[in-house]
C-alpha atoms as a PDB file:
ATOM      1  CA  MET A   1      35.890 -21.723  50.688  1.00  0.00           C
ATOM      2  CA  ALA A   2      33.526 -21.095  47.775  1.00  0.00           C
ATOM      3  CA  MET A   3      35.453 -17.915  46.954  1.00  0.00           C
ATOM      4  CA  ASN A   4      38.730 -19.887  46.771  1.00  0.00           C
ATOM      5  CA  LYS A   5      37.158 -22.380  44.348  1.00  0.00           C
ATOM      6  CA  LEU A   6      35.837 -19.551  42.205  1.00  0.00           C
ATOM      7  CA  LEU A   7      39.223 -17.802  42.146  1.00  0.00           C
ATOM      8  CA  GLY A   8      40.957 -21.096  41.329  1.00  0.00           C
ATOM      9  CA  MET A   9      38.616 -21.777  38.397  1.00  0.00           C
ATOM     10  CA  LEU A  10      39.027 -18.197  37.161  1.00  0.00           C
ATOM     11  CA  TRP A  11      42.845 -18.543  37.334  1.00  0.00           C
ATOM     12  CA  LEU A  12      42.699 -21.818  35.388  1.00  0.00           C
ATOM     13  CA  CYS A  13      40.496 -20.260  32.699  1.00  0.00           C
ATOM     14  CA  LEU A  14      42.828 -17.266  32.340  1.00  0.00           C
ATOM     15  CA  CYS A  15      45.845 -19.567  32.000  1.00  0.00           C
ATOM     16  CA  CYS A  16      44.122 -21.587  29.288  1.00  0.00           C
ATOM     17  CA  ILE A  17      43.076 -18.475  27.373  1.00  0.00           C
ATOM     18  CA  ALA A  18      46.574 -16.958  27.580  1.00  0.00           C
ATOM     19  CA  CYS A  19      48.263 -20.094  26.198  1.00  0.00           C
ATOM     20  CA  GLN A  20      49.261 -19.641  22.548  1.00  0.00           C
ATOM     21  CA  THR A  21      49.135 -22.859  20.496  1.00  0.00           C
ATOM     22  CA  ASP A  22      49.079 -21.388  16.987  1.00  0.00           C
ATOM     23  CA  ASN A  23      52.649 -22.389  16.111  1.00  0.00           C
ATOM     24  CA  ILE A  24      52.629 -25.878  17.602  1.00  0.00           C
ATOM     25  CA  ILE A  25      52.662 -28.775  15.127  1.00  0.00           C
ATOM     26  CA  LYS A  26      51.960 -32.033  16.892  1.00  0.00           C
ATOM     27  CA  PRO A  27      53.096 -35.422  15.588  1.00  0.00           C
ATOM     28  CA  TYR A  28      50.314 -37.272  13.843  1.00  0.00           C
ATOM     29  CA  SER A  29      49.658 -39.845  11.173  1.00  0.00           C
ATOM     30  CA  TYR A  30      46.866 -39.826   8.638  1.00  0.00           C
ATOM     31  CA  LEU A  31      45.508 -42.800   6.691  1.00  0.00           C
ATOM     32  CA  ASN A  32      42.565 -43.023   4.329  1.00  0.00           C
ATOM     33  CA  ILE A  33      41.913 -46.476   2.773  1.00  0.00           C
ATOM     34  CA  LYS A  34      39.199 -48.378   0.951  1.00  0.00           C
ATOM     35  CA  PHE A  35      38.680 -51.318  -1.343  1.00  0.00           C
ATOM     36  CA  ILE A  36      38.251 -50.048  -4.879  1.00  0.00           C
ATOM     37  CA  GLU A  37      34.776 -51.566  -5.265  1.00  0.00           C
ATOM     38  CA  ASP A  38      33.474 -49.907  -2.066  1.00  0.00           C
ATOM     39  CA  GLU A  39      32.141 -46.373  -1.891  1.00  0.00           C
ATOM     40  CA  ASP A  40      32.963 -45.775   1.766  1.00  0.00           C
ATOM     41  CA  TYR A  41      36.377 -45.463   3.344  1.00  0.00           C
ATOM     42  CA  ILE A  42      37.253 -47.802   6.179  1.00  0.00           C
ATOM     43  CA  MET A  43      36.963 -46.208   9.624  1.00  0.00           C
ATOM     44  CA  LEU A  44      40.150 -46.687  11.618  1.00  0.00           C
ATOM     45  CA  GLU A  45      40.356 -46.213  15.355  1.00  0.00           C
ATOM     46  CA  ARG A  46      44.086 -45.839  15.973  1.00  0.00           C
ATOM     47  CA  ILE A  47      46.838 -44.781  13.550  1.00  0.00           C
ATOM     48  CA  GLU A  48      50.487 -44.787  14.608  1.00  0.00           C
ATOM     49  CA  GLY A  49      53.371 -43.782  12.385  1.00  0.00           C
ATOM     50  CA  SER A  50      57.081 -43.171  12.548  1.00  0.00           C
ATOM     51  CA  TRP A  51      59.472 -41.526  10.095  1.00  0.00           C
ATOM     52  CA  GLU A  52      63.188 -41.710  10.855  1.00  0.00           C
ATOM     53  CA  ASN A  53      66.430 -42.756   9.185  1.00  0.00           C
ATOM     54  CA  GLU A  54      64.735 -42.839   5.748  1.00  0.00           C
ATOM     55  CA  LYS A  55      62.245 -45.456   6.991  1.00  0.00           C
ATOM     56  CA  ALA A  56      58.465 -44.997   7.053  1.00  0.00           C
ATOM     57  CA  HIS A  57      56.386 -47.224   9.299  1.00  0.00           C
ATOM     58  CA  LEU A  58      52.619 -47.006   9.746  1.00  0.00           C
ATOM     59  CA  GLU A  59      50.248 -49.232  11.724  1.00  0.00           C
ATOM     60  CA  ALA A  60      46.494 -48.721  11.901  1.00  0.00           C
ATOM     61  CA  PHE A  61      43.748 -50.573  13.717  1.00  0.00           C
ATOM     62  CA  GLY A  62      39.995 -50.379  13.158  1.00  0.00           C
ATOM     63  CA  TYR A  63      36.825 -50.795  15.155  1.00  0.00           C
ATOM     64  CA  LYS A  64      36.078 -54.199  13.608  1.00  0.00           C
ATOM     65  CA  ASN A  65      39.593 -55.634  14.161  1.00  0.00           C
ATOM     66  CA  GLU A  66      40.929 -54.271  10.875  1.00  0.00           C
ATOM     67  CA  HIS A  67      44.706 -54.046  10.665  1.00  0.00           C
ATOM     68  CA  PHE A  68      46.813 -52.047   8.191  1.00  0.00           C
ATOM     69  CA  HIS A  69      50.601 -52.144   7.962  1.00  0.00           C
ATOM     70  CA  LEU A  70      52.984 -50.052   5.821  1.00  0.00           C
ATOM     71  CA  ASP A  71      56.760 -50.388   5.963  1.00  0.00           C
ATOM     72  CA  LEU A  72      59.062 -48.700   3.419  1.00  0.00           C
ATOM     73  CA  SER A  73      62.771 -47.953   3.305  1.00  0.00           C
ATOM     74  CA  PRO A  74      64.932 -46.332   2.159  1.00  0.00           C
ATOM     75  CA  ILE A  75      62.935 -43.282   1.148  1.00  0.00           C
ATOM     76  CA  THR A  76      65.218 -40.486   0.030  1.00  0.00           C
ATOM     77  CA  VAL A  77      63.256 -38.788  -2.772  1.00  0.00           C
ATOM     78  CA  GLU A  78      59.730 -38.605  -4.115  1.00  0.00           C
ATOM     79  CA  GLY A  79      58.826 -41.396  -6.501  1.00  0.00           C
ATOM     80  CA  ARG A  80      57.099 -44.710  -7.043  1.00  0.00           C
ATOM     81  CA  PHE A  81      57.824 -48.013  -5.308  1.00  0.00           C
ATOM     82  CA  THR A  82      56.692 -50.956  -7.464  1.00  0.00           C
ATOM     83  CA  ASP A  83      58.799 -53.867  -6.217  1.00  0.00           C
ATOM     84  CA  LEU A  84      56.584 -54.601  -3.207  1.00  0.00           C
ATOM     85  CA  SER A  85      55.682 -57.575  -1.046  1.00  0.00           C
ATOM     86  CA  ILE A  86      53.191 -58.331   1.713  1.00  0.00           C
ATOM     87  CA  ASN A  87      55.901 -57.150   4.146  1.00  0.00           C
ATOM     88  CA  ASN A  88      55.697 -53.620   2.697  1.00  0.00           C
ATOM     89  CA  ILE A  89      51.927 -53.176   2.732  1.00  0.00           C
ATOM     90  CA  TYR A  90      49.216 -55.331   4.269  1.00  0.00           C
ATOM     91  CA  PHE A  91      45.538 -55.047   5.189  1.00  0.00           C
ATOM     92  CA  ASN A  92      43.271 -57.461   7.059  1.00  0.00           C
ATOM     93  CA  ASP A  93      39.586 -56.487   7.155  1.00  0.00           C
ATOM     94  CA  GLY A  94      38.976 -58.211  10.500  1.00  0.00           C
ATOM     95  CA  ALA A  95      36.526 -60.699   9.019  1.00  0.00           C
ATOM     96  CA  ASP A  96      37.387 -63.025   6.165  1.00  0.00           C
ATOM     97  CA  PHE A  97      39.958 -61.125   4.075  1.00  0.00           C
ATOM     98  CA  THR A  98      43.429 -62.059   5.321  1.00  0.00           C
ATOM     99  CA  PRO A  99      45.844 -61.703   2.387  1.00  0.00           C
ATOM    100  CA  SER A 100      48.802 -64.013   1.987  1.00  0.00           C
ATOM    101  CA  ARG A 101      50.545 -62.155  -0.829  1.00  0.00           C
ATOM    102  CA  LEU A 102      50.664 -58.946  -2.808  1.00  0.00           C
ATOM    103  CA  ASP A 103      50.099 -59.510  -6.541  1.00  0.00           C
ATOM    104  CA  SER A 104      50.799 -56.060  -7.959  1.00  0.00           C
ATOM    105  CA  GLY A 105      50.582 -52.369  -7.307  1.00  0.00           C
ATOM    106  CA  PHE A 106      52.535 -49.325  -6.269  1.00  0.00           C
ATOM    107  CA  ILE A 107      53.185 -46.880  -3.460  1.00  0.00           C
ATOM    108  CA  GLU A 108      53.744 -43.315  -4.686  1.00  0.00           C
ATOM    109  CA  ILE A 109      55.710 -41.023  -2.360  1.00  0.00           C
ATOM    110  CA  SER A 110      54.623 -37.461  -3.142  1.00  0.00           C
ATOM    111  CA  ASN A 111      55.962 -35.630  -0.094  1.00  0.00           C
ATOM    112  CA  VAL A 112      59.234 -36.333   1.709  1.00  0.00           C
ATOM    113  CA  ASN A 113      61.312 -34.064   3.942  1.00  0.00           C
ATOM    114  CA  ALA A 114      62.918 -34.129   7.381  1.00  0.00           C
ATOM    115  CA  THR A 115      59.624 -33.868   9.262  1.00  0.00           C
ATOM    116  CA  GLN A 116      57.093 -35.754   7.143  1.00  0.00           C
ATOM    117  CA  VAL A 117      56.529 -38.363   4.477  1.00  0.00           C
ATOM    118  CA  GLY A 118      53.320 -39.011   2.577  1.00  0.00           C
ATOM    119  CA  GLY A 119      51.792 -40.362  -0.552  1.00  0.00           C
ATOM    120  CA  SER A 120      49.258 -42.734  -2.034  1.00  0.00           C
ATOM    121  CA  PHE A 121      49.032 -46.403  -2.928  1.00  0.00           C
ATOM    122  CA  ARG A 122      47.057 -48.889  -4.961  1.00  0.00           C
ATOM    123  CA  VAL A 123      47.795 -52.577  -4.467  1.00  0.00           C
ATOM    124  CA  VAL A 124      46.168 -55.895  -5.347  1.00  0.00           C
ATOM    125  CA  LEU A 125      46.174 -58.311  -2.417  1.00  0.00           C
ATOM    126  CA  GLU A 126      45.459 -62.038  -2.695  1.00  0.00           C
ATOM    127  CA  ASN A 127      43.497 -63.955  -0.071  1.00  0.00           C
ATOM    128  CA  HIS A 128      43.212 -67.764   0.277  1.00  0.00           C
ATOM    129  CA  PHE A 129      40.753 -67.898   3.211  1.00  0.00           C
ATOM    130  CA  ASN A 130      37.603 -68.884   1.264  1.00  0.00           C
ATOM    131  CA  GLY A 131      39.181 -69.785  -2.055  1.00  0.00           C
ATOM    132  CA  ILE A 132      41.375 -67.433  -4.041  1.00  0.00           C
ATOM    133  CA  GLN A 133      40.147 -63.871  -3.914  1.00  0.00           C
ATOM    134  CA  GLN A 134      41.904 -60.725  -5.109  1.00  0.00           C
ATOM    135  CA  ARG A 135      40.945 -57.252  -3.922  1.00  0.00           C
ATOM    136  CA  THR A 136      42.387 -53.871  -4.808  1.00  0.00           C
ATOM    137  CA  LEU A 137      43.158 -51.560  -1.896  1.00  0.00           C
ATOM    138  CA  GLU A 138      43.778 -47.865  -2.434  1.00  0.00           C
ATOM    139  CA  GLY A 139      44.476 -44.947  -0.159  1.00  0.00           C
ATOM    140  CA  LYS A 140      46.560 -42.018   1.026  1.00  0.00           C
ATOM    141  CA  PHE A 141      48.825 -41.583   4.028  1.00  0.00           C
ATOM    142  CA  LEU A 142      50.904 -38.957   5.826  1.00  0.00           C
ATOM    143  CA  ILE A 143      53.339 -39.346   8.715  1.00  0.00           C
ATOM    144  CA  ASN A 144      54.289 -36.084  10.450  1.00  0.00           C
ATOM    145  CA  ILE A 145      56.860 -36.247  13.251  1.00  0.00           C
ATOM    146  CA  HIS A 146      56.786 -32.627  14.472  1.00  0.00           C
END
């Protein structure tokens, strides 16, 4: 019985070693964000993105109930989006910053093709939770579907 277990484990190890994964590109999304006045980037727990039919969608959730949302379409070429609203880009810090509108800013698409879209952004969001407060959010993102 012990010999069968040993042979089974050896077979499993050989199968794992023989598997070639060098050419596999898995779907993933990347997001790096921070408020401009902070030194540290915000740690996010789960990032989910989709890129299809010229539409980019990204949702991210953090350890402290942070929530980020990005929704852009149509994206056909690289360039800058400046006519934005809170429906295009949104961030809630999970505590007291819950923006109600986007004052200004841009999203710069620097990489777009059939399998991925990516770029950077810098937006000013306005919060009315504890009086009027404006904060600038900046970051980079990438959505890869293959």
